[in-house]
Amino acid sequence: MQANLPRLAQEVESRVLGVVDAMMTSKIEELKELIEGSKGKGKSSI
């Protein structure tokens, strides 16, 4: 069990980082859409 701890910690860390990364990406996309929406009211944005 003791020998497996570093590998387990690494696995958990990579999963957590993956989840955080996905959450951050979706939040950034939302923010971009909000900014584009507020900027491009008059003209159509592609």
Protein backbone atom coordinates (compact mmCIF):
# COMPACT_ATOMS: atom_id res chain seq x y z
CA MET A 1 0.00 0.00 0.00
CA GLN A 2 2.76 2.40 0.96
CA ALA A 3 4.48 1.97 -2.41
CA ASN A 4 1.28 2.79 -4.28
CA LEU A 5 0.62 6.12 -2.55
CA PRO A 6 2.67 8.33 -4.89
CA ARG A 7 1.00 6.80 -7.94
CA LEU A 8 -2.43 7.19 -6.37
CA ALA A 9 -1.72 10.80 -5.45
CA GLN A 10 -0.56 11.47 -9.00
CA GLU A 11 -3.71 9.92 -10.43
CA VAL A 12 -5.98 11.94 -8.16
CA GLU A 13 -4.04 15.11 -8.89
CA SER A 14 -4.29 14.66 -12.65
CA ARG A 15 -8.04 14.01 -12.41
CA VAL A 16 -8.60 17.06 -10.23
CA LEU A 17 -6.50 19.18 -12.58
CA GLY A 18 -8.50 17.88 -15.53
CA VAL A 19 -11.80 18.79 -13.88
CA VAL A 20 -10.54 22.23 -12.86
CA ASP A 21 -9.20 22.79 -16.37
CA ALA A 22 -12.56 21.88 -17.93
CA MET A 23 -14.42 24.14 -15.50
CA MET A 24 -12.07 27.05 -16.18
CA THR A 25 -12.39 26.56 -19.93
CA SER A 26 -16.19 26.64 -19.82
CA LYS A 27 -16.17 29.70 -17.54
CA ILE A 28 -13.79 31.51 -19.90
CA GLU A 29 -16.05 30.63 -22.85
CA GLU A 30 -19.06 32.00 -20.94
CA LEU A 31 -17.17 35.20 -20.18
CA LYS A 32 -16.14 35.58 -23.82
CA GLU A 33 -19.75 35.18 -24.93
CA LEU A 34 -20.90 37.74 -22.36
CA ILE A 35 -18.26 40.23 -23.48
CA GLU A 36 -19.01 39.64 -27.16
CA GLY A 37 -22.73 39.95 -26.46
CA SER A 38 -22.37 43.25 -24.63
CA LYS A 39 -19.92 44.63 -27.21
CA GLY A 40 -21.66 43.46 -30.36
CA LYS A 41 -25.23 44.60 -29.71
CA GLY A 42 -25.32 46.88 -32.75
CA LYS A 43 -23.29 44.80 -35.18
CA SER A 44 -23.60 41.07 -35.70
CA SER A 45 -20.62 39.12 -34.38
CA ILE A 46 -19.43 36.01 -36.21
